[in-house]
Amino acid sequence: MKILNQTFCTLALTTVLCSISLTAEAQTVILSGRQIRGSIMHPAELISKEITLNRSYQVTNVETSGDGFWFERNGQAGEVIDSRVGAKGTILPAGTYRVFPTLRNGQNEASVKVTLD
């Protein structure tokens, strides 16, 4: 019985250590945002959930219905990134981020989704 308990404990510890190492591996993070143009009846809106990155991540994909987008890092707006040029490969250092699309001329609403790995 003692050997069985030791074997079980060793297996359980190995499983926990494997789980911890898998959790420490890179995980995919999705940032998304929307912009709605204001009108007489409705105020303009910028919508994006803040995400805190504890380490650097690389932009691996961008999908936007707008003309471009920008990141807000730690409450400070960054430069607009042209959607035709893209941001693939851009490294985002640790910090708190939101992302917003840039509206095209005549466009009333746009969205953006940025994938980070």
PDB file of N, CA and C in Angstrom:
ATOM      1  N   MET A   1       0.817  -1.181   0.000  1.00  0.00           N
ATOM      2  CA  MET A   1       0.000   0.000   0.000  1.00  0.00           C
ATOM      3  C   MET A   1       0.872   1.260   0.000  1.00  0.00           C
ATOM      4  N   LYS A   2       2.006   1.197   0.738  1.00  0.00           N
ATOM      5  CA  LYS A   2       2.908   2.333   0.816  1.00  0.00           C
ATOM      6  C   LYS A   2       3.481   2.659  -0.570  1.00  0.00           C
ATOM      7  N   ILE A   3       3.861   1.628  -1.321  1.00  0.00           N
ATOM      8  CA  ILE A   3       4.408   1.825  -2.666  1.00  0.00           C
ATOM      9  C   ILE A   3       3.346   2.414  -3.584  1.00  0.00           C
ATOM     10  N   LEU A   4       2.112   1.963  -3.460  1.00  0.00           N
ATOM     11  CA  LEU A   4       1.011   2.490  -4.270  1.00  0.00           C
ATOM     12  C   LEU A   4       0.792   3.970  -3.977  1.00  0.00           C
ATOM     13  N   ASN A   5       0.813   4.360  -2.714  1.00  0.00           N
ATOM     14  CA  ASN A   5       0.656   5.769  -2.336  1.00  0.00           C
ATOM     15  C   ASN A   5       1.798   6.611  -2.881  1.00  0.00           C
ATOM     16  N   GLN A   6       3.035   6.116  -2.801  1.00  0.00           N
ATOM     17  CA  GLN A   6       4.182   6.848  -3.320  1.00  0.00           C
ATOM     18  C   GLN A   6       4.076   7.010  -4.837  1.00  0.00           C
ATOM     19  N   THR A   7       3.658   5.959  -5.516  1.00  0.00           N
ATOM     20  CA  THR A   7       3.494   6.016  -6.970  1.00  0.00           C
ATOM     21  C   THR A   7       2.415   7.023  -7.342  1.00  0.00           C
ATOM     22  N   PHE A   8       1.298   7.001  -6.617  1.00  0.00           N
ATOM     23  CA  PHE A   8       0.203   7.934  -6.873  1.00  0.00           C
ATOM     24  C   PHE A   8       0.662   9.370  -6.636  1.00  0.00           C
ATOM     25  N   CYS A   9       1.380   9.610  -5.537  1.00  0.00           N
ATOM     26  CA  CYS A   9       1.878  10.959  -5.231  1.00  0.00           C
ATOM     27  C   CYS A   9       2.844  11.442  -6.301  1.00  0.00           C
ATOM     28  N   THR A  10       3.733  10.566  -6.758  1.00  0.00           N
ATOM     29  CA  THR A  10       4.685  10.924  -7.813  1.00  0.00           C
ATOM     30  C   THR A  10       3.955  11.271  -9.105  1.00  0.00           C
ATOM     31  N   LEU A  11       2.953  10.479  -9.460  1.00  0.00           N
ATOM     32  CA  LEU A  11       2.164  10.731 -10.662  1.00  0.00           C
ATOM     33  C   LEU A  11       1.407  12.047 -10.539  1.00  0.00           C
ATOM     34  N   ALA A  12       0.811  12.294  -9.384  1.00  0.00           N
ATOM     35  CA  ALA A  12       0.058  13.538  -9.165  1.00  0.00           C
ATOM     36  C   ALA A  12       0.983  14.745  -9.257  1.00  0.00           C
ATOM     37  N   LEU A  13       2.163  14.660  -8.657  1.00  0.00           N
ATOM     38  CA  LEU A  13       3.124  15.759  -8.701  1.00  0.00           C
ATOM     39  C   LEU A  13       3.596  16.010 -10.131  1.00  0.00           C
ATOM     40  N   THR A  14       3.862  14.949 -10.876  1.00  0.00           N
ATOM     41  CA  THR A  14       4.274  15.083 -12.274  1.00  0.00           C
ATOM     42  C   THR A  14       3.179  15.766 -13.090  1.00  0.00           C
ATOM     43  N   THR A  15       1.931  15.384 -12.861  1.00  0.00           N
ATOM     44  CA  THR A  15       0.801  15.996 -13.573  1.00  0.00           C
ATOM     45  C   THR A  15       0.709  17.478 -13.257  1.00  0.00           C
ATOM     46  N   VAL A  16       0.855  17.842 -11.995  1.00  0.00           N
ATOM     47  CA  VAL A  16       0.794  19.255 -11.603  1.00  0.00           C
ATOM     48  C   VAL A  16       1.936  20.038 -12.245  1.00  0.00           C
ATOM     49  N   LEU A  17       3.147  19.509 -12.215  1.00  0.00           N
ATOM     50  CA  LEU A  17       4.280  20.203 -12.818  1.00  0.00           C
ATOM     51  C   LEU A  17       4.109  20.368 -14.324  1.00  0.00           C
ATOM     52  N   CYS A  18       3.577  19.373 -14.998  1.00  0.00           N
ATOM     53  CA  CYS A  18       3.312  19.483 -16.438  1.00  0.00           C
ATOM     54  C   CYS A  18       2.261  20.550 -16.701  1.00  0.00           C
ATOM     55  N   SER A  19       1.232  20.597 -15.883  1.00  0.00           N
ATOM     56  CA  SER A  19       0.181  21.606 -16.041  1.00  0.00           C
ATOM     57  C   SER A  19       0.750  23.001 -15.862  1.00  0.00           C
ATOM     58  N   ILE A  20       1.618  23.167 -14.860  1.00  0.00           N
ATOM     59  CA  ILE A  20       2.226  24.472 -14.619  1.00  0.00           C
ATOM     60  C   ILE A  20       3.090  24.875 -15.803  1.00  0.00           C
ATOM     61  N   SER A  21       3.879  23.962 -16.357  1.00  0.00           N
ATOM     62  CA  SER A  21       4.745  24.319 -17.477  1.00  0.00           C
ATOM     63  C   SER A  21       3.922  24.629 -18.724  1.00  0.00           C
ATOM     64  N   LEU A  22       2.806  23.941 -18.937  1.00  0.00           N
ATOM     65  CA  LEU A  22       1.952  24.250 -20.080  1.00  0.00           C
ATOM     66  C   LEU A  22       1.302  25.611 -19.911  1.00  0.00           C
ATOM     67  N   THR A  23       0.920  25.968 -18.694  1.00  0.00           N
ATOM     68  CA  THR A  23       0.321  27.272 -18.434  1.00  0.00           C
ATOM     69  C   THR A  23       1.338  28.377 -18.691  1.00  0.00           C
ATOM     70  N   ALA A  24       2.600  28.107 -18.401  1.00  0.00           N
ATOM     71  CA  ALA A  24       3.636  29.113 -18.589  1.00  0.00           C
ATOM     72  C   ALA A  24       3.976  29.315 -20.063  1.00  0.00           C
ATOM     73  N   GLU A  25       3.598  28.371 -20.926  1.00  0.00           N
ATOM     74  CA  GLU A  25       3.831  28.515 -22.360  1.00  0.00           C
ATOM     75  C   GLU A  25       3.031  29.706 -22.888  1.00  0.00           C
ATOM     76  N   ALA A  26       3.376  30.143 -24.081  1.00  0.00           N
ATOM     77  CA  ALA A  26       2.686  31.270 -24.702  1.00  0.00           C
ATOM     78  C   ALA A  26       1.201  30.982 -24.850  1.00  0.00           C
ATOM     79  N   GLN A  27       0.417  31.981 -24.546  1.00  0.00           N
ATOM     80  CA  GLN A  27      -1.018  31.843 -24.743  1.00  0.00           C
ATOM     81  C   GLN A  27      -1.483  32.951 -25.676  1.00  0.00           C
ATOM     82  N   THR A  28      -2.502  32.672 -26.445  1.00  0.00           N
ATOM     83  CA  THR A  28      -3.035  33.644 -27.385  1.00  0.00           C
ATOM     84  C   THR A  28      -3.945  34.610 -26.645  1.00  0.00           C
ATOM     85  N   VAL A  29      -3.802  35.891 -26.954  1.00  0.00           N
ATOM     86  CA  VAL A  29      -4.627  36.942 -26.366  1.00  0.00           C
ATOM     87  C   VAL A  29      -5.322  37.662 -27.512  1.00  0.00           C
ATOM     88  N   ILE A  30      -6.602  37.948 -27.333  1.00  0.00           N
ATOM     89  CA  ILE A  30      -7.378  38.681 -28.342  1.00  0.00           C
ATOM     90  C   ILE A  30      -7.767  40.038 -27.767  1.00  0.00           C
ATOM     91  N   LEU A  31      -7.420  41.100 -28.482  1.00  0.00           N
ATOM     92  CA  LEU A  31      -7.868  42.454 -28.150  1.00  0.00           C
ATOM     93  C   LEU A  31      -8.913  42.835 -29.185  1.00  0.00           C
ATOM     94  N   SER A  32     -10.015  43.426 -28.765  1.00  0.00           N
ATOM     95  CA  SER A  32     -11.013  43.863 -29.739  1.00  0.00           C
ATOM     96  C   SER A  32     -11.603  45.200 -29.308  1.00  0.00           C
ATOM     97  N   GLY A  33     -12.115  45.919 -30.296  1.00  0.00           N
ATOM     98  CA  GLY A  33     -12.711  47.217 -30.011  1.00  0.00           C
ATOM     99  C   GLY A  33     -13.658  47.643 -31.105  1.00  0.00           C
ATOM    100  N   ARG A  34     -14.482  48.631 -30.774  1.00  0.00           N
ATOM    101  CA  ARG A  34     -15.452  49.191 -31.734  1.00  0.00           C
ATOM    102  C   ARG A  34     -15.450  50.709 -31.616  1.00  0.00           C
ATOM    103  N   GLN A  35     -15.787  51.349 -32.717  1.00  0.00           N
ATOM    104  CA  GLN A  35     -16.022  52.789 -32.719  1.00  0.00           C
ATOM    105  C   GLN A  35     -17.336  53.041 -33.443  1.00  0.00           C
ATOM    106  N   ILE A  36     -18.182  53.869 -32.831  1.00  0.00           N
ATOM    107  CA  ILE A  36     -19.456  54.247 -33.437  1.00  0.00           C
ATOM    108  C   ILE A  36     -19.464  55.762 -33.572  1.00  0.00           C
ATOM    109  N   ARG A  37     -19.702  56.219 -34.801  1.00  0.00           N
ATOM    110  CA  ARG A  37     -19.747  57.656 -35.073  1.00  0.00           C
ATOM    111  C   ARG A  37     -20.960  58.265 -34.369  1.00  0.00           C
ATOM    112  N   GLY A  38     -20.774  59.424 -33.832  1.00  0.00           N
ATOM    113  CA  GLY A  38     -21.863  60.121 -33.158  1.00  0.00           C
ATOM    114  C   GLY A  38     -22.817  60.788 -34.144  1.00  0.00           C
ATOM    115  N   SER A  39     -24.008  61.052 -33.661  1.00  0.00           N
ATOM    116  CA  SER A  39     -25.014  61.776 -34.446  1.00  0.00           C
ATOM    117  C   SER A  39     -25.766  62.706 -33.503  1.00  0.00           C
ATOM    118  N   ILE A  40     -26.711  63.420 -34.025  1.00  0.00           N
ATOM    119  CA  ILE A  40     -27.514  64.325 -33.196  1.00  0.00           C
ATOM    120  C   ILE A  40     -28.252  63.543 -32.114  1.00  0.00           C
ATOM    121  N   MET A  41     -28.687  62.341 -32.451  1.00  0.00           N
ATOM    122  CA  MET A  41     -29.484  61.534 -31.529  1.00  0.00           C
ATOM    123  C   MET A  41     -28.652  60.591 -30.654  1.00  0.00           C
ATOM    124  N   HIS A  42     -27.374  60.398 -31.010  1.00  0.00           N
ATOM    125  CA  HIS A  42     -26.573  59.391 -30.307  1.00  0.00           C
ATOM    126  C   HIS A  42     -25.125  59.866 -30.195  1.00  0.00           C
ATOM    127  N   PRO A  43     -24.543  59.876 -28.999  1.00  0.00           N
ATOM    128  CA  PRO A  43     -23.148  60.299 -28.879  1.00  0.00           C
ATOM    129  C   PRO A  43     -22.189  59.254 -29.467  1.00  0.00           C
ATOM    130  N   ALA A  44     -21.024  59.706 -29.877  1.00  0.00           N
ATOM    131  CA  ALA A  44     -19.998  58.791 -30.385  1.00  0.00           C
ATOM    132  C   ALA A  44     -19.563  57.848 -29.263  1.00  0.00           C
ATOM    133  N   GLU A  45     -19.129  56.644 -29.653  1.00  0.00           N
ATOM    134  CA  GLU A  45     -18.697  55.666 -28.665  1.00  0.00           C
ATOM    135  C   GLU A  45     -17.392  55.005 -29.085  1.00  0.00           C
ATOM    136  N   LEU A  46     -16.512  54.810 -28.109  1.00  0.00           N
ATOM    137  CA  LEU A  46     -15.317  53.985 -28.252  1.00  0.00           C
ATOM    138  C   LEU A  46     -15.464  52.871 -27.234  1.00  0.00           C
ATOM    139  N   ILE A  47     -15.444  51.620 -27.713  1.00  0.00           N
ATOM    140  CA  ILE A  47     -15.705  50.475 -26.840  1.00  0.00           C
ATOM    141  C   ILE A  47     -14.550  49.480 -26.962  1.00  0.00           C
ATOM    142  N   SER A  48     -13.913  49.159 -25.840  1.00  0.00           N
ATOM    143  CA  SER A  48     -12.866  48.151 -25.815  1.00  0.00           C
ATOM    144  C   SER A  48     -12.611  47.778 -24.363  1.00  0.00           C
ATOM    145  N   LYS A  49     -12.483  46.496 -24.105  1.00  0.00           N
ATOM    146  CA  LYS A  49     -12.175  46.021 -22.764  1.00  0.00           C
ATOM    147  C   LYS A  49     -10.667  46.106 -22.544  1.00  0.00           C
ATOM    148  N   GLU A  50     -10.263  46.645 -21.394  1.00  0.00           N
ATOM    149  CA  GLU A  50      -8.835  46.684 -21.061  1.00  0.00           C
ATOM    150  C   GLU A  50      -8.292  45.288 -20.816  1.00  0.00           C
ATOM    151  N   ILE A  51      -7.114  45.040 -21.360  1.00  0.00           N
ATOM    152  CA  ILE A  51      -6.426  43.773 -21.113  1.00  0.00           C
ATOM    153  C   ILE A  51      -5.014  44.108 -20.641  1.00  0.00           C
ATOM    154  N   THR A  52      -4.611  43.500 -19.535  1.00  0.00           N
ATOM    155  CA  THR A  52      -3.268  43.706 -19.011  1.00  0.00           C
ATOM    156  C   THR A  52      -2.374  42.556 -19.455  1.00  0.00           C
ATOM    157  N   LEU A  53      -1.286  42.927 -20.104  1.00  0.00           N
ATOM    158  CA  LEU A  53      -0.286  41.949 -20.543  1.00  0.00           C
ATOM    159  C   LEU A  53       0.850  41.957 -19.529  1.00  0.00           C
ATOM    160  N   ASN A  54       1.190  40.797 -19.002  1.00  0.00           N
ATOM    161  CA  ASN A  54       2.249  40.689 -18.000  1.00  0.00           C
ATOM    162  C   ASN A  54       3.625  40.483 -18.615  1.00  0.00           C
ATOM    163  N   ARG A  55       3.652  40.337 -19.946  1.00  0.00           N
ATOM    164  CA  ARG A  55       4.908  40.169 -20.673  1.00  0.00           C
ATOM    165  C   ARG A  55       4.699  40.710 -22.079  1.00  0.00           C
ATOM    166  N   SER A  56       5.740  40.727 -22.881  1.00  0.00           N
ATOM    167  CA  SER A  56       5.623  41.181 -24.272  1.00  0.00           C
ATOM    168  C   SER A  56       4.881  40.152 -25.108  1.00  0.00           C
ATOM    169  N   TYR A  57       4.082  40.639 -26.044  1.00  0.00           N
ATOM    170  CA  TYR A  57       3.368  39.796 -27.003  1.00  0.00           C
ATOM    171  C   TYR A  57       3.610  40.346 -28.401  1.00  0.00           C
ATOM    172  N   GLN A  58       3.485  39.463 -29.394  1.00  0.00           N
ATOM    173  CA  GLN A  58       3.640  39.865 -30.789  1.00  0.00           C
ATOM    174  C   GLN A  58       2.289  39.809 -31.481  1.00  0.00           C
ATOM    175  N   VAL A  59       2.008  40.834 -32.307  1.00  0.00           N
ATOM    176  CA  VAL A  59       0.781  40.851 -33.104  1.00  0.00           C
ATOM    177  C   VAL A  59       0.933  39.810 -34.211  1.00  0.00           C
ATOM    178  N   THR A  60      -0.007  38.847 -34.260  1.00  0.00           N
ATOM    179  CA  THR A  60       0.062  37.801 -35.281  1.00  0.00           C
ATOM    180  C   THR A  60      -1.052  37.915 -36.317  1.00  0.00           C
ATOM    181  N   ASN A  61      -2.126  38.651 -35.993  1.00  0.00           N
ATOM    182  CA  ASN A  61      -3.213  38.816 -36.954  1.00  0.00           C
ATOM    183  C   ASN A  61      -4.036  40.043 -36.583  1.00  0.00           C
ATOM    184  N   VAL A  62      -4.565  40.717 -37.615  1.00  0.00           N
ATOM    185  CA  VAL A  62      -5.448  41.868 -37.413  1.00  0.00           C
ATOM    186  C   VAL A  62      -6.603  41.754 -38.380  1.00  0.00           C
ATOM    187  N   GLU A  63      -7.813  41.917 -37.862  1.00  0.00           N
ATOM    188  CA  GLU A  63      -9.017  41.980 -38.691  1.00  0.00           C
ATOM    189  C   GLU A  63      -9.729  43.274 -38.325  1.00  0.00           C
ATOM    190  N   THR A  64      -9.994  44.130 -39.318  1.00  0.00           N
ATOM    191  CA  THR A  64     -10.708  45.374 -39.048  1.00  0.00           C
ATOM    192  C   THR A  64     -11.614  45.729 -40.205  1.00  0.00           C
ATOM    193  N   SER A  65     -12.739  46.314 -39.865  1.00  0.00           N
ATOM    194  CA  SER A  65     -13.656  46.800 -40.897  1.00  0.00           C
ATOM    195  C   SER A  65     -13.436  48.287 -41.140  1.00  0.00           C
ATOM    196  N   GLY A  66     -12.499  48.872 -40.407  1.00  0.00           N
ATOM    197  CA  GLY A  66     -12.200  50.294 -40.551  1.00  0.00           C
ATOM    198  C   GLY A  66     -11.013  50.540 -41.460  1.00  0.00           C
ATOM    199  N   ASP A  67     -10.498  51.774 -41.369  1.00  0.00           N
ATOM    200  CA  ASP A  67      -9.383  52.202 -42.209  1.00  0.00           C
ATOM    201  C   ASP A  67      -8.042  51.940 -41.550  1.00  0.00           C
ATOM    202  N   GLY A  68      -8.064  51.586 -40.306  1.00  0.00           N
ATOM    203  CA  GLY A  68      -6.866  51.353 -39.521  1.00  0.00           C
ATOM    204  C   GLY A  68      -7.292  51.170 -38.079  1.00  0.00           C
ATOM    205  N   PHE A  69      -6.344  51.313 -37.156  1.00  0.00           N
ATOM    206  CA  PHE A  69      -6.670  51.161 -35.740  1.00  0.00           C
ATOM    207  C   PHE A  69      -5.540  51.750 -34.914  1.00  0.00           C
ATOM    208  N   TRP A  70      -5.787  51.902 -33.631  1.00  0.00           N
ATOM    209  CA  TRP A  70      -4.744  52.341 -32.724  1.00  0.00           C
ATOM    210  C   TRP A  70      -4.882  51.631 -31.393  1.00  0.00           C
ATOM    211  N   PHE A  71      -3.730  51.489 -30.734  1.00  0.00           N
ATOM    212  CA  PHE A  71      -3.694  50.915 -29.395  1.00  0.00           C
ATOM    213  C   PHE A  71      -3.677  52.051 -28.387  1.00  0.00           C
ATOM    214  N   GLU A  72      -4.309  51.834 -27.272  1.00  0.00           N
ATOM    215  CA  GLU A  72      -4.165  52.709 -26.125  1.00  0.00           C
ATOM    216  C   GLU A  72      -3.397  51.897 -25.085  1.00  0.00           C
ATOM    217  N   ARG A  73      -2.239  52.389 -24.660  1.00  0.00           N
ATOM    218  CA  ARG A  73      -1.404  51.668 -23.684  1.00  0.00           C
ATOM    219  C   ARG A  73      -1.297  52.492 -22.415  1.00  0.00           C
ATOM    220  N   ASN A  74      -1.689  51.890 -21.317  1.00  0.00           N
ATOM    221  CA  ASN A  74      -1.644  52.558 -20.014  1.00  0.00           C
ATOM    222  C   ASN A  74      -2.326  53.930 -20.064  1.00  0.00           C
ATOM    223  N   GLY A  75      -3.448  54.002 -20.790  1.00  0.00           N
ATOM    224  CA  GLY A  75      -4.243  55.229 -20.872  1.00  0.00           C
ATOM    225  C   GLY A  75      -3.765  56.237 -21.895  1.00  0.00           C
ATOM    226  N   GLN A  76      -2.685  55.955 -22.617  1.00  0.00           N
ATOM    227  CA  GLN A  76      -2.130  56.880 -23.607  1.00  0.00           C
ATOM    228  C   GLN A  76      -2.364  56.338 -25.013  1.00  0.00           C
ATOM    229  N   ALA A  77      -3.011  57.149 -25.865  1.00  0.00           N
ATOM    230  CA  ALA A  77      -3.278  56.724 -27.247  1.00  0.00           C
ATOM    231  C   ALA A  77      -1.987  56.706 -28.052  1.00  0.00           C
ATOM    232  N   GLY A  78      -1.846  55.679 -28.877  1.00  0.00           N
ATOM    233  CA  GLY A  78      -0.677  55.558 -29.752  1.00  0.00           C
ATOM    234  C   GLY A  78      -1.003  56.043 -31.155  1.00  0.00           C
ATOM    235  N   GLU A  79      -0.065  55.854 -32.059  1.00  0.00           N
ATOM    236  CA  GLU A  79      -0.250  56.248 -33.454  1.00  0.00           C
ATOM    237  C   GLU A  79      -1.257  55.333 -34.137  1.00  0.00           C
ATOM    238  N   VAL A  80      -1.965  55.899 -35.126  1.00  0.00           N
ATOM    239  CA  VAL A  80      -2.892  55.096 -35.927  1.00  0.00           C
ATOM    240  C   VAL A  80      -2.075  54.210 -36.859  1.00  0.00           C
ATOM    241  N   ILE A  81      -2.449  52.936 -36.910  1.00  0.00           N
ATOM    242  CA  ILE A  81      -1.786  51.974 -37.789  1.00  0.00           C
ATOM    243  C   ILE A  81      -2.686  51.760 -38.994  1.00  0.00           C
ATOM    244  N   ASP A  82      -2.163  52.000 -40.177  1.00  0.00           N
ATOM    245  CA  ASP A  82      -2.912  51.837 -41.421  1.00  0.00           C
ATOM    246  C   ASP A  82      -3.210  50.357 -41.635  1.00  0.00           C
ATOM    247  N   SER A  83      -4.483  50.018 -41.857  1.00  0.00           N
ATOM    248  CA  SER A  83      -4.854  48.605 -42.009  1.00  0.00           C
ATOM    249  C   SER A  83      -4.265  47.985 -43.269  1.00  0.00           C
ATOM    250  N   ARG A  84      -3.896  48.800 -44.261  1.00  0.00           N
ATOM    251  CA  ARG A  84      -3.295  48.246 -45.472  1.00  0.00           C
ATOM    252  C   ARG A  84      -1.843  47.848 -45.235  1.00  0.00           C
ATOM    253  N   VAL A  85      -1.173  48.545 -44.337  1.00  0.00           N
ATOM    254  CA  VAL A  85       0.214  48.222 -44.010  1.00  0.00           C
ATOM    255  C   VAL A  85       0.242  47.114 -42.966  1.00  0.00           C
ATOM    256  N   GLY A  86      -0.638  47.220 -42.005  1.00  0.00           N
ATOM    257  CA  GLY A  86      -0.766  46.189 -40.981  1.00  0.00           C
ATOM    258  C   GLY A  86       0.224  46.326 -39.848  1.00  0.00           C
ATOM    259  N   ALA A  87       0.035  45.484 -38.874  1.00  0.00           N
ATOM    260  CA  ALA A  87       0.865  45.537 -37.672  1.00  0.00           C
ATOM    261  C   ALA A  87       1.471  44.189 -37.341  1.00  0.00           C
ATOM    262  N   LYS A  88       1.307  43.208 -38.249  1.00  0.00           N
ATOM    263  CA  LYS A  88       1.867  41.878 -37.963  1.00  0.00           C
ATOM    264  C   LYS A  88       3.342  41.994 -37.627  1.00  0.00           C
ATOM    265  N   GLY A  89       3.720  41.314 -36.551  1.00  0.00           N
ATOM    266  CA  GLY A  89       5.106  41.338 -36.130  1.00  0.00           C
ATOM    267  C   GLY A  89       5.412  42.407 -35.089  1.00  0.00           C
ATOM    268  N   THR A  90       4.503  43.372 -34.910  1.00  0.00           N
ATOM    269  CA  THR A  90       4.702  44.414 -33.898  1.00  0.00           C
ATOM    270  C   THR A  90       4.741  43.777 -32.516  1.00  0.00           C
ATOM    271  N   ILE A  91       5.680  44.197 -31.695  1.00  0.00           N
ATOM    272  CA  ILE A  91       5.803  43.697 -30.329  1.00  0.00           C
ATOM    273  C   ILE A  91       5.154  44.700 -29.381  1.00  0.00           C
ATOM    274  N   LEU A  92       4.237  44.216 -28.568  1.00  0.00           N
ATOM    275  CA  LEU A  92       3.624  45.047 -27.535  1.00  0.00           C
ATOM    276  C   LEU A  92       4.272  44.690 -26.202  1.00  0.00           C
ATOM    277  N   PRO A  93       4.947  45.650 -25.564  1.00  0.00           N
ATOM    278  CA  PRO A  93       5.544  45.356 -24.261  1.00  0.00           C
ATOM    279  C   PRO A  93       4.462  45.204 -23.188  1.00  0.00           C
ATOM    280  N   ALA A  94       4.848  44.685 -22.040  1.00  0.00           N
ATOM    281  CA  ALA A  94       3.896  44.530 -20.933  1.00  0.00           C
ATOM    282  C   ALA A  94       3.220  45.862 -20.648  1.00  0.00           C
ATOM    283  N   GLY A  95       1.958  45.803 -20.291  1.00  0.00           N
ATOM    284  CA  GLY A  95       1.189  47.004 -19.991  1.00  0.00           C
ATOM    285  C   GLY A  95      -0.290  46.709 -20.107  1.00  0.00           C
ATOM    286  N   THR A  96      -1.107  47.744 -19.932  1.00  0.00           N
ATOM    287  CA  THR A  96      -2.552  47.618 -20.043  1.00  0.00           C
ATOM    288  C   THR A  96      -2.981  48.246 -21.362  1.00  0.00           C
ATOM    289  N   TYR A  97      -3.742  47.486 -22.158  1.00  0.00           N
ATOM    290  CA  TYR A  97      -4.078  47.898 -23.516  1.00  0.00           C
ATOM    291  C   TYR A  97      -5.579  47.895 -23.787  1.00  0.00           C
ATOM    292  N   ARG A  98      -5.949  48.769 -24.714  1.00  0.00           N
ATOM    293  CA  ARG A  98      -7.249  48.731 -25.390  1.00  0.00           C
ATOM    294  C   ARG A  98      -6.930  48.998 -26.860  1.00  0.00           C
ATOM    295  N   VAL A  99      -7.853  48.629 -27.753  1.00  0.00           N
ATOM    296  CA  VAL A  99      -7.632  48.856 -29.181  1.00  0.00           C
ATOM    297  C   VAL A  99      -8.925  49.412 -29.782  1.00  0.00           C
ATOM    298  N   PHE A 100      -8.774  50.345 -30.739  1.00  0.00           N
ATOM    299  CA  PHE A 100      -9.928  50.980 -31.374  1.00  0.00           C
ATOM    300  C   PHE A 100      -9.707  51.082 -32.881  1.00  0.00           C
ATOM    301  N   PRO A 101     -10.770  50.886 -33.673  1.00  0.00           N
ATOM    302  CA  PRO A 101     -10.644  51.056 -35.124  1.00  0.00           C
ATOM    303  C   PRO A 101     -10.769  52.526 -35.511  1.00  0.00           C
ATOM    304  N   THR A 102     -10.217  52.854 -36.674  1.00  0.00           N
ATOM    305  CA  THR A 102     -10.384  54.171 -37.267  1.00  0.00           C
ATOM    306  C   THR A 102     -11.503  54.070 -38.303  1.00  0.00           C
ATOM    307  N   LEU A 103     -12.450  54.996 -38.256  1.00  0.00           N
ATOM    308  CA  LEU A 103     -13.559  54.977 -39.214  1.00  0.00           C
ATOM    309  C   LEU A 103     -13.100  55.486 -40.578  1.00  0.00           C
ATOM    310  N   ARG A 104     -13.619  54.892 -41.635  1.00  0.00           N
ATOM    311  CA  ARG A 104     -13.410  55.396 -42.991  1.00  0.00           C
ATOM    312  C   ARG A 104     -14.329  56.604 -43.195  1.00  0.00           C
ATOM    313  N   ASN A 105     -14.068  57.392 -44.223  1.00  0.00           N
ATOM    314  CA  ASN A 105     -14.972  58.495 -44.555  1.00  0.00           C
ATOM    315  C   ASN A 105     -16.370  57.948 -44.818  1.00  0.00           C
ATOM    316  N   GLY A 106     -17.359  58.482 -44.152  1.00  0.00           N
ATOM    317  CA  GLY A 106     -18.743  58.062 -44.347  1.00  0.00           C
ATOM    318  C   GLY A 106     -19.134  56.801 -43.593  1.00  0.00           C
ATOM    319  N   GLN A 107     -18.207  56.163 -42.941  1.00  0.00           N
ATOM    320  CA  GLN A 107     -18.502  54.942 -42.187  1.00  0.00           C
ATOM    321  C   GLN A 107     -19.032  55.314 -40.808  1.00  0.00           C
ATOM    322  N   ASN A 108     -20.093  54.646 -40.370  1.00  0.00           N
ATOM    323  CA  ASN A 108     -20.698  54.960 -39.080  1.00  0.00           C
ATOM    324  C   ASN A 108     -20.226  54.068 -37.939  1.00  0.00           C
ATOM    325  N   GLU A 109     -19.762  52.870 -38.264  1.00  0.00           N
ATOM    326  CA  GLU A 109     -19.325  51.946 -37.223  1.00  0.00           C
ATOM    327  C   GLU A 109     -18.232  51.040 -37.778  1.00  0.00           C
ATOM    328  N   ALA A 110     -17.257  50.740 -36.934  1.00  0.00           N
ATOM    329  CA  ALA A 110     -16.172  49.838 -37.335  1.00  0.00           C
ATOM    330  C   ALA A 110     -15.744  49.013 -36.125  1.00  0.00           C
ATOM    331  N   SER A 111     -15.121  47.874 -36.419  1.00  0.00           N
ATOM    332  CA  SER A 111     -14.599  47.019 -35.357  1.00  0.00           C
ATOM    333  C   SER A 111     -13.191  46.576 -35.720  1.00  0.00           C
ATOM    334  N   VAL A 112     -12.450  46.133 -34.691  1.00  0.00           N
ATOM    335  CA  VAL A 112     -11.107  45.629 -34.904  1.00  0.00           C
ATOM    336  C   VAL A 112     -10.880  44.480 -33.925  1.00  0.00           C
ATOM    337  N   LYS A 113     -10.146  43.460 -34.393  1.00  0.00           N
ATOM    338  CA  LYS A 113      -9.766  42.318 -33.567  1.00  0.00           C
ATOM    339  C   LYS A 113      -8.291  42.051 -33.831  1.00  0.00           C
ATOM    340  N   VAL A 114      -7.488  42.087 -32.768  1.00  0.00           N
ATOM    341  CA  VAL A 114      -6.041  41.889 -32.877  1.00  0.00           C
ATOM    342  C   VAL A 114      -5.667  40.643 -32.084  1.00  0.00           C
ATOM    343  N   THR A 115      -4.966  39.720 -32.739  1.00  0.00           N
ATOM    344  CA  THR A 115      -4.525  38.490 -32.091  1.00  0.00           C
ATOM    345  C   THR A 115      -3.060  38.635 -31.704  1.00  0.00           C
ATOM    346  N   LEU A 116      -2.750  38.295 -30.459  1.00  0.00           N
ATOM    347  CA  LEU A 116      -1.384  38.386 -29.930  1.00  0.00           C
ATOM    348  C   LEU A 116      -0.926  37.007 -29.478  1.00  0.00           C
ATOM    349  N   ASP A 117       0.317  36.674 -29.759  1.00  0.00           N
ATOM    350  CA  ASP A 117       0.924  35.424 -29.280  1.00  0.00           C
ATOM    351  C   ASP A 117       2.267  35.730 -28.656  1.00  0.00           C
TER     352      ASP A 117
END
